Amino acid sequence: MQDKKLKKGFLLVLKWIAICVLVGSIVGSATALFLISLDRVTLWRSYHIWIVNFLPFVGLAIGFAYHYYGDESKKGNNLILETHQSTGTDNNSKPIPLVMAPLVFISTLLTHVAGGSAGREGTAVQMGGAIADQFTRRFRLNSEERKTILIIGISAGFAAVFGTPLAGAIFALEIMSFKRIKLADVLPSFFTAYIAHAICLAWQVKHTVYIIPSIPGISLSSLSWSILAGLIFGMAAFAFIYSSKLFEGWFSKIKFAPWRPFVGGIFIALFIVLSDSTKYIGLGIPTIINAFLTPAGNFDFAIKILVTSFTLSAGFKGGEVTPLFFIGATLGNILIWFIPLPMALLAGMGFVAVFAGATHCSIASIVLGIELFGMEAGVFIGIASIVAYFTSGIHGIYNAQLKTGAKYELYNFISKSRRL
């Protein structure tokens, strides 16, 4: 009897090692191909800027592709969250369609090559979730095991796209709600994240390096300024979320969905032509890097909020996270006007804190900051991220994300107190 249990346990471990290696390798490779392709289309656009005039027609093509071939896939990251939540409670829970992976891959490249303002993590996460879920039936996974494989799909995509395996693993666990996560989910999430990251690096993908050269000593003054900065970053996250919902409401009035990115593309193309600037389109990596190096003296963060929320609300594809990095870094850059902390540190704090406020993933955000900027910056990044998390409002960029955790308990407590 004991031997049978040991054999069963051994086979279970082997099965999950195989699943983690398969998912990590495939998602890591797919993400590497995506990042290499994204770099090339971005470079091509920089030499052929006339392509932005065709953004409305690119939007129309994306709209028709999702309308006819990916109706469920248009939910994006929310589809993965909804599938995780419904698994085990809904016997008719459908598998995430595999077509989601190539659809979001191609649509994101089209968005970027034609001048849309979007990120890349949404693409990697959606590819990860769609690819991982295909193994549910092949390995005959039960409902609890299916939840685990969705988590490792997200962790693989996030870890590979940013080169941050620790943050990727924690992001996948946190976005699904820590309260519902089981211990059996944790090790596969970390294992798969590191595999995907290693595979992505093996494809010679190079991730952007950000440096904070000067970090002040910890004092009451520096910590107090960090709290103020976190409050401002939380307000920026709220502005992004609010503008996204506002634009979504506007575009929902266009009943035939494929026309939404076409109409949105007209306005974005006009903005690019009239402003005679490409600073706010695509990922904006050069501007993010510059935020750590040179005082900007302008309000790039506000324009990026509007352009990105408008682009994604119209139906173009990509993600929100890299634009959130742009918003936070450029906002932090100008906070040197009245906050006496090093400019690069403020840029790094904003880089992470706006992400924390918008995604409601404060733990993953802090780990991300430590992976990118080092442990010495961790205290300042942590304070700014936690404050931004609590002050960014009750809603986040993922509509299907469960409203659980300290933030919502605090909001509920305040709400009940007011009733009394």
Protein backbone atom coordinates (compact mmCIF):
# COMPACT_ATOMS: atom_id res chain seq x y z
CA MET A 1 0.00 0.00 0.00
CA GLN A 2 2.81 2.38 0.93
CA ASP A 3 4.67 1.49 -2.26
CA LYS A 4 1.61 2.34 -4.35
CA LYS A 5 1.33 5.76 -2.70
CA LEU A 6 5.01 6.45 -3.29
CA LYS A 7 4.72 5.36 -6.91
CA LYS A 8 1.62 7.51 -7.41
CA GLY A 9 3.33 10.51 -5.83
CA PHE A 10 6.46 9.98 -7.93
CA LEU A 11 4.42 9.80 -11.14
CA LEU A 12 2.53 12.95 -10.14
CA VAL A 13 5.79 14.83 -9.64
CA LEU A 14 7.09 13.59 -13.00
CA LYS A 15 3.86 14.67 -14.69
CA TRP A 16 4.13 18.21 -13.34
CA ILE A 17 7.80 18.47 -14.17
CA ALA A 18 6.92 17.51 -17.74
CA ILE A 19 4.06 20.03 -17.84
CA CYS A 20 6.21 22.84 -16.44
CA VAL A 21 9.05 22.12 -18.86
CA LEU A 22 6.68 21.92 -21.84
CA VAL A 23 4.74 25.07 -20.97
CA GLY A 24 7.86 27.01 -20.01
CA SER A 25 9.72 26.00 -23.15
CA ILE A 26 6.87 26.65 -25.57
CA VAL A 27 5.72 29.92 -23.98
CA GLY A 28 9.31 31.09 -23.55
CA SER A 29 10.02 30.40 -27.23
CA ALA A 30 6.77 32.01 -28.37
CA THR A 31 7.51 35.09 -26.26
CA ALA A 32 11.07 35.27 -27.63
CA LEU A 33 9.73 35.16 -31.20
CA PHE A 34 7.22 37.86 -30.29
CA LEU A 35 9.85 40.16 -28.72
CA ILE A 36 12.24 39.73 -31.66
CA SER A 37 9.39 40.43 -34.10
CA LEU A 38 8.27 43.44 -32.07
CA ASP A 39 11.75 44.95 -32.15
CA ARG A 40 11.89 44.52 -35.91
CA VAL A 41 8.48 46.04 -36.67
CA THR A 42 9.25 48.94 -34.33
CA LEU A 43 12.54 49.57 -36.14
CA TRP A 44 10.80 49.30 -39.51
CA ARG A 45 8.15 51.83 -38.44
CA SER A 46 10.83 54.30 -37.35
CA TYR A 47 12.16 54.35 -40.92
CA HIS A 48 8.71 54.29 -42.58
CA ILE A 49 6.63 56.61 -40.43
CA TRP A 50 4.14 57.06 -43.27
CA ILE A 51 2.64 53.74 -42.13
CA VAL A 52 0.76 55.56 -39.35
CA ASN A 53 -1.63 56.87 -42.02
CA PHE A 54 -2.87 53.30 -42.42
CA LEU A 55 -3.59 52.80 -38.70
CA PRO A 56 -7.39 52.98 -39.22
CA PHE A 57 -7.26 50.18 -41.81
CA VAL A 58 -4.99 48.11 -39.59
CA GLY A 59 -7.55 48.62 -36.83
CA LEU A 60 -10.32 47.49 -39.16
CA ALA A 61 -8.39 44.32 -40.00
CA ILE A 62 -7.85 43.58 -36.29
CA GLY A 63 -11.53 44.26 -35.60
CA PHE A 64 -12.72 41.89 -38.32
CA ALA A 65 -10.23 39.18 -37.26
CA TYR A 66 -11.54 39.15 -33.70
CA HIS A 67 -15.17 39.52 -34.79
CA TYR A 68 -15.10 36.49 -37.08
CA TYR A 69 -12.36 34.28 -35.66
CA GLY A 70 -11.84 35.21 -32.02
CA ASP A 71 -15.04 36.43 -30.42
CA GLU A 72 -14.13 34.89 -27.04
CA SER A 73 -10.47 35.85 -27.41
CA LYS A 74 -11.29 39.55 -27.51
CA LYS A 75 -11.69 39.43 -23.70
CA GLY A 76 -7.90 39.08 -23.51
CA ASN A 77 -6.42 38.63 -20.04
CA ASN A 78 -9.91 38.73 -18.54
CA LEU A 79 -10.79 35.48 -20.33
CA ILE A 80 -7.94 33.70 -18.53
CA LEU A 81 -9.04 35.13 -15.17
CA GLU A 82 -12.68 34.17 -15.80
CA THR A 83 -11.67 30.65 -16.84
CA HIS A 84 -9.63 30.22 -13.67
CA GLN A 85 -12.52 31.43 -11.52
CA SER A 86 -15.17 29.28 -13.25
CA THR A 87 -13.13 26.08 -13.31
CA GLY A 88 -14.60 23.68 -10.78
CA THR A 89 -17.86 25.60 -10.46
CA ASP A 90 -18.94 25.54 -14.08
CA ASN A 91 -19.00 22.09 -15.65
CA ASN A 92 -19.34 23.65 -19.09
CA SER A 93 -16.21 25.77 -18.73
CA LYS A 94 -14.72 25.85 -22.21
CA PRO A 95 -11.01 25.56 -22.94
CA ILE A 96 -9.30 28.79 -23.83
CA PRO A 97 -9.23 28.79 -27.64
CA LEU A 98 -5.75 28.19 -29.04
CA VAL A 99 -6.48 30.75 -31.75
CA MET A 100 -6.10 33.38 -29.04
CA ALA A 101 -2.29 33.00 -29.20
CA PRO A 102 -1.73 33.71 -32.91
CA LEU A 103 -4.48 36.33 -32.96
CA VAL A 104 -2.99 38.44 -30.19
CA PHE A 105 0.54 37.84 -31.52
CA ILE A 106 -0.26 39.18 -35.00
CA SER A 107 -2.67 41.89 -33.82
CA THR A 108 -0.12 43.31 -31.37
CA LEU A 109 2.55 43.49 -34.07
CA LEU A 110 0.07 45.23 -36.38
CA THR A 111 -0.86 47.68 -33.62
CA HIS A 112 2.77 48.60 -33.07
CA VAL A 113 3.89 48.75 -36.68
CA ALA A 114 1.07 51.16 -37.53
CA GLY A 115 1.63 53.45 -34.55
CA GLY A 116 -0.75 52.37 -31.81
CA SER A 117 0.22 52.99 -28.19
CA ALA A 118 0.24 49.64 -26.41
CA GLY A 119 2.38 47.30 -24.38
CA ARG A 120 3.46 43.70 -24.72
CA GLU A 121 2.73 41.84 -21.49
CA GLY A 122 -0.91 41.28 -22.46
CA THR A 123 0.26 39.41 -25.54
CA ALA A 124 2.70 37.21 -23.62
CA VAL A 125 0.18 36.46 -20.86
CA GLN A 126 -2.58 35.61 -23.33
CA MET A 127 -0.27 33.37 -25.34
CA GLY A 128 0.84 31.72 -22.11
CA GLY A 129 -2.69 31.09 -20.89
CA ALA A 130 -3.96 29.82 -24.25
CA ILE A 131 -0.98 27.51 -24.81
CA ALA A 132 -0.98 26.16 -21.26
CA ASP A 133 -4.69 25.34 -21.29
CA GLN A 134 -4.24 23.08 -24.31
CA PHE A 135 -2.48 20.60 -22.02
CA THR A 136 -5.50 20.32 -19.72
CA ARG A 137 -7.13 17.57 -21.77
CA ARG A 138 -3.91 16.01 -23.00
CA PHE A 139 -2.80 15.35 -19.42
CA ARG A 140 -6.38 14.72 -18.23
CA LEU A 141 -6.15 17.35 -15.53
CA ASN A 142 -8.92 17.82 -12.97
CA SER A 143 -10.38 21.22 -12.13
CA GLU A 144 -7.79 22.07 -9.45
CA GLU A 145 -4.93 21.02 -11.70
CA ARG A 146 -6.37 23.11 -14.52
CA LYS A 147 -6.25 26.18 -12.29
CA THR A 148 -2.59 25.44 -11.67
CA ILE A 149 -1.77 25.15 -15.35
CA LEU A 150 -3.44 28.49 -16.08
CA ILE A 151 -1.29 30.07 -13.38
CA ILE A 152 1.92 28.67 -14.83
CA GLY A 153 0.91 29.88 -18.29
CA ILE A 154 0.64 33.44 -16.96
CA SER A 155 3.87 33.19 -14.97
CA ALA A 156 5.75 31.91 -18.03
CA GLY A 157 4.50 34.72 -20.26
CA PHE A 158 5.16 37.53 -17.78
CA ALA A 159 8.58 36.19 -16.74
CA ALA A 160 9.76 35.80 -20.34
CA VAL A 161 8.50 39.14 -21.64
CA PHE A 162 10.20 41.24 -18.93
CA GLY A 163 13.05 38.98 -17.88
CA THR A 164 11.78 38.92 -14.30
CA PRO A 165 11.03 35.31 -13.27
CA LEU A 166 10.38 36.07 -9.58
CA ALA A 167 7.90 38.83 -10.38
CA GLY A 168 6.34 36.70 -13.12
CA ALA A 169 5.65 33.82 -10.74
CA ILE A 170 4.25 36.08 -8.03
CA PHE A 171 2.20 38.13 -10.52
CA ALA A 172 0.47 34.95 -11.72
CA LEU A 173 -0.33 33.94 -8.14
CA GLU A 174 -1.38 37.41 -7.02
CA ILE A 175 -3.62 38.25 -9.96
CA MET A 176 -5.61 35.09 -9.27
CA SER A 177 -6.03 36.18 -5.62
CA PHE A 178 -3.63 34.89 -2.98
CA LYS A 179 -6.55 33.78 -0.81
CA ARG A 180 -7.54 31.18 -3.39
CA ILE A 181 -4.04 29.99 -4.20
CA LYS A 182 -2.94 26.62 -2.86
CA LEU A 183 0.57 25.58 -1.91
CA ALA A 184 0.58 23.17 -4.86
CA ASP A 185 0.37 26.18 -7.22
CA VAL A 186 3.44 27.96 -5.89
CA LEU A 187 6.32 25.68 -6.90
CA PRO A 188 5.06 25.07 -10.48
CA SER A 189 4.58 28.81 -10.94
CA PHE A 190 8.19 29.59 -9.96
CA PHE A 191 9.65 26.60 -11.79
CA THR A 192 7.87 27.42 -15.04
CA ALA A 193 8.72 31.12 -14.79
CA TYR A 194 12.43 30.35 -14.58
CA ILE A 195 12.25 27.87 -17.45
CA ALA A 196 10.44 30.37 -19.69
CA HIS A 197 12.93 33.09 -18.75
CA ALA A 198 15.91 30.83 -19.50
CA ILE A 199 14.45 29.72 -22.83
CA CYS A 200 13.79 33.32 -23.82
CA LEU A 201 17.40 34.24 -23.02
CA ALA A 202 18.59 31.20 -24.97
CA TRP A 203 16.96 32.74 -28.04
CA GLN A 204 19.32 35.71 -27.56
CA VAL A 205 16.58 38.07 -26.43
CA LYS A 206 17.98 41.07 -24.56
CA HIS A 207 15.89 42.88 -21.98
CA THR A 208 16.16 46.60 -21.28
CA VAL A 209 18.42 47.48 -18.35
CA TYR A 210 17.43 50.38 -16.08
CA ILE A 211 19.88 51.88 -13.59
CA ILE A 212 19.36 53.97 -10.45
CA PRO A 213 22.88 55.26 -9.72
CA SER A 214 22.15 57.12 -6.49
CA ILE A 215 20.00 55.97 -3.59
CA PRO A 216 19.75 58.12 -0.41
CA GLY A 217 19.94 56.80 3.10
CA ILE A 218 16.74 55.77 4.86
CA SER A 219 15.44 58.59 7.03
CA LEU A 220 12.13 59.97 8.22
CA SER A 221 12.39 62.69 5.59
CA SER A 222 13.12 60.38 2.64
CA LEU A 223 10.40 57.94 3.69
CA SER A 224 7.87 60.77 4.04
CA TRP A 225 8.68 62.00 0.54
CA SER A 226 8.27 58.43 -0.71
CA ILE A 227 4.75 58.32 0.73
CA LEU A 228 3.86 61.56 -1.05
CA ALA A 229 5.29 60.24 -4.30
CA GLY A 230 3.29 57.01 -3.88
CA LEU A 231 0.11 59.03 -3.44
CA ILE A 232 0.76 60.88 -6.72
CA PHE A 233 1.57 57.63 -8.53
CA GLY A 234 -1.68 56.12 -7.24
CA MET A 235 -3.57 59.09 -8.66
CA ALA A 236 -1.87 58.51 -12.03
CA ALA A 237 -2.94 54.85 -11.96
CA PHE A 238 -6.48 55.96 -11.16
CA ALA A 239 -6.39 58.41 -14.09
CA PHE A 240 -5.35 55.62 -16.45
CA ILE A 241 -8.09 53.29 -15.22
CA TYR A 242 -10.73 56.04 -15.34
CA SER A 243 -9.78 57.20 -18.83
CA SER A 244 -9.84 53.59 -20.07
CA LYS A 245 -13.37 53.07 -18.78
CA LEU A 246 -14.43 56.44 -20.18
CA PHE A 247 -13.14 55.62 -23.67
CA GLU A 248 -14.60 52.12 -23.50
CA GLY A 249 -17.99 53.71 -22.88
CA TRP A 250 -17.54 55.97 -25.88
CA PHE A 251 -16.53 53.15 -28.22
CA SER A 252 -19.32 50.86 -26.97
CA LYS A 253 -21.74 53.24 -28.69
CA ILE A 254 -20.39 51.95 -32.00
CA LYS A 255 -22.47 48.80 -32.20
CA PHE A 256 -20.49 46.98 -34.91
CA ALA A 257 -17.27 46.15 -33.04
CA PRO A 258 -14.85 46.06 -36.05
CA TRP A 259 -15.56 49.75 -36.71
CA ARG A 260 -14.27 50.76 -33.26
CA PRO A 261 -10.52 50.38 -33.97
CA PHE A 262 -11.09 51.92 -37.41
CA VAL A 263 -12.61 55.06 -35.90
CA GLY A 264 -10.07 55.07 -33.07
CA GLY A 265 -7.26 54.67 -35.58
CA ILE A 266 -8.36 57.82 -37.42
CA PHE A 267 -8.01 59.93 -34.29
CA ILE A 268 -4.69 58.38 -33.25
CA ALA A 269 -3.23 58.85 -36.73
CA LEU A 270 -4.38 62.47 -36.76
CA PHE A 271 -2.76 63.02 -33.37
CA ILE A 272 0.56 61.59 -34.57
CA VAL A 273 0.54 63.68 -37.74
CA LEU A 274 -0.56 66.93 -36.09
CA SER A 275 1.78 66.60 -33.10
CA ASP A 276 4.64 65.59 -35.43
CA SER A 277 5.92 63.28 -32.69
CA THR A 278 6.25 59.53 -32.30
CA LYS A 279 7.20 59.73 -28.62
CA TYR A 280 3.84 58.48 -27.40
CA ILE A 281 3.29 55.53 -29.75
CA GLY A 282 4.48 51.96 -29.38
CA LEU A 283 6.25 50.94 -26.18
CA GLY A 284 8.12 54.19 -25.64
CA ILE A 285 11.24 52.44 -24.31
CA PRO A 286 13.64 55.28 -25.32
CA THR A 287 11.54 57.77 -23.35
CA ILE A 288 11.47 55.46 -20.33
CA ILE A 289 15.26 55.12 -20.40
CA ASN A 290 15.64 58.87 -20.79
CA ALA A 291 13.44 59.44 -17.72
CA PHE A 292 16.23 57.91 -15.62
CA LEU A 293 18.91 60.09 -17.22
CA THR A 294 17.67 63.56 -18.13
CA PRO A 295 15.17 66.02 -16.59
CA ALA A 296 12.23 66.13 -19.00
CA GLY A 297 10.35 69.19 -17.85
CA ASN A 298 7.08 68.24 -19.54
CA PHE A 299 3.91 66.22 -19.03
CA ASP A 300 4.65 63.14 -21.16
CA PHE A 301 2.92 60.92 -18.60
CA ALA A 302 -0.47 62.64 -19.09
CA ILE A 303 -0.36 62.33 -22.89
CA LYS A 304 0.66 58.66 -22.64
CA ILE A 305 -2.29 57.99 -20.33
CA LEU A 306 -4.72 59.38 -22.90
CA VAL A 307 -3.12 57.87 -26.01
CA THR A 308 -2.72 54.38 -24.55
CA SER A 309 -6.14 54.17 -22.91
CA PHE A 310 -7.69 55.43 -26.15
CA THR A 311 -5.75 52.92 -28.28
CA LEU A 312 -6.63 49.88 -26.18
CA SER A 313 -10.24 50.95 -25.59
CA ALA A 314 -10.72 51.22 -29.34
CA GLY A 315 -9.83 47.54 -29.74
CA PHE A 316 -6.16 47.55 -30.66
CA LYS A 317 -4.09 44.83 -28.99
CA GLY A 318 -0.99 44.68 -26.82
CA GLY A 319 -0.98 45.35 -23.12
CA GLU A 320 -1.01 48.03 -20.50
CA VAL A 321 2.07 47.33 -18.40
CA THR A 322 4.89 48.87 -20.46
CA PRO A 323 2.81 52.03 -21.01
CA LEU A 324 2.27 52.07 -17.23
CA PHE A 325 6.05 51.91 -16.84
CA PHE A 326 6.28 54.89 -19.23
CA ILE A 327 3.65 56.83 -17.29
CA GLY A 328 5.27 56.14 -13.93
CA ALA A 329 8.85 56.82 -15.01
CA THR A 330 8.06 60.10 -16.79
CA LEU A 331 5.85 61.24 -13.91
CA GLY A 332 8.60 60.40 -11.41
CA ASN A 333 11.04 62.33 -13.58
CA ILE A 334 9.19 65.61 -13.06
CA LEU A 335 8.54 65.07 -9.36
CA ILE A 336 12.05 66.42 -8.76
CA TRP A 337 10.34 69.82 -9.11
CA PHE A 338 9.23 69.53 -5.49
CA ILE A 339 10.34 66.15 -4.06
CA PRO A 340 14.02 66.17 -2.97
CA LEU A 341 14.87 62.61 -3.97
CA PRO A 342 17.21 61.56 -6.82
CA MET A 343 15.53 61.79 -10.23
CA ALA A 344 16.40 58.23 -11.27
CA LEU A 345 15.03 56.88 -7.98
CA LEU A 346 11.76 58.77 -8.48
CA ALA A 347 11.55 57.44 -12.04
CA GLY A 348 12.09 53.90 -10.77
CA MET A 349 9.55 54.35 -7.99
CA GLY A 350 6.98 55.60 -10.48
CA PHE A 351 7.86 52.84 -12.95
CA VAL A 352 6.80 50.24 -10.39
CA ALA A 353 4.19 52.08 -8.30
CA VAL A 354 1.85 53.04 -11.16
CA PHE A 355 1.94 49.39 -12.21
CA ALA A 356 1.07 48.37 -8.64
CA GLY A 357 -1.85 50.79 -8.49
CA ALA A 358 -3.31 49.86 -11.86
CA THR A 359 -2.97 46.06 -11.58
CA HIS A 360 -3.65 45.77 -7.83
CA CYS A 361 -0.63 43.47 -7.63
CA SER A 362 1.49 45.24 -5.03
CA ILE A 363 3.63 42.27 -4.00
CA ALA A 364 4.57 41.37 -7.58
CA SER A 365 5.29 45.04 -8.23
CA ILE A 366 7.73 45.32 -5.34
CA VAL A 367 9.51 42.13 -6.41
CA LEU A 368 9.62 43.44 -9.97
CA GLY A 369 11.24 46.64 -8.72
CA ILE A 370 13.86 44.72 -6.75
CA GLU A 371 14.65 42.49 -9.75
CA LEU A 372 15.04 45.48 -12.05
CA PHE A 373 16.63 48.07 -9.78
CA GLY A 374 18.26 46.14 -6.95
CA MET A 375 17.60 45.56 -3.27
CA GLU A 376 18.87 48.99 -2.17
CA ALA A 377 15.96 50.70 -3.93
CA GLY A 378 13.50 48.18 -2.48
CA VAL A 379 12.41 50.22 0.56
CA PHE A 380 11.52 53.31 -1.47
CA ILE A 381 9.88 51.28 -4.24
CA GLY A 382 7.97 49.25 -1.67
CA ILE A 383 6.57 52.29 0.14
CA ALA A 384 5.56 54.01 -3.11
CA SER A 385 3.95 50.82 -4.45
CA ILE A 386 1.92 50.10 -1.31
CA VAL A 387 0.66 53.70 -1.10
CA ALA A 388 -0.19 53.69 -4.83
CA TYR A 389 -1.98 50.36 -4.39
CA PHE A 390 -4.24 51.77 -1.67
CA THR A 391 -4.89 55.12 -3.35
CA SER A 392 -5.57 54.06 -6.95
CA GLY A 393 -9.25 53.33 -6.45
CA ILE A 394 -11.36 50.19 -6.20
CA HIS A 395 -11.13 49.25 -9.88
CA GLY A 396 -8.12 47.98 -11.81
CA ILE A 397 -7.17 47.38 -15.43
CA TYR A 398 -8.40 43.76 -15.25
CA ASN A 399 -12.19 43.79 -14.96
CA ALA A 400 -12.40 40.09 -14.10
CA GLN A 401 -9.90 40.33 -11.24
CA LEU A 402 -11.46 39.33 -7.93
CA LYS A 403 -11.82 42.17 -5.46
CA THR A 404 -10.07 40.61 -2.50
CA GLY A 405 -7.17 41.57 -0.27
CA ALA A 406 -6.26 44.27 2.23
CA LYS A 407 -7.27 47.11 -0.07
CA TYR A 408 -10.84 45.91 -0.46
CA GLU A 409 -11.17 45.02 3.20
CA LEU A 410 -10.16 48.59 4.03
CA TYR A 411 -12.63 50.01 1.52
CA ASN A 412 -15.41 47.79 2.90
CA PHE A 413 -14.55 48.83 6.46
CA ILE A 414 -14.72 52.53 5.51
CA SER A 415 -17.99 51.95 3.66
CA LYS A 416 -19.56 50.21 6.67
CA SER A 417 -18.30 52.90 9.03
CA ARG A 418 -20.02 55.58 6.95
CA ARG A 419 -23.33 53.70 7.10
CA LEU A 420 -23.11 53.56 10.89
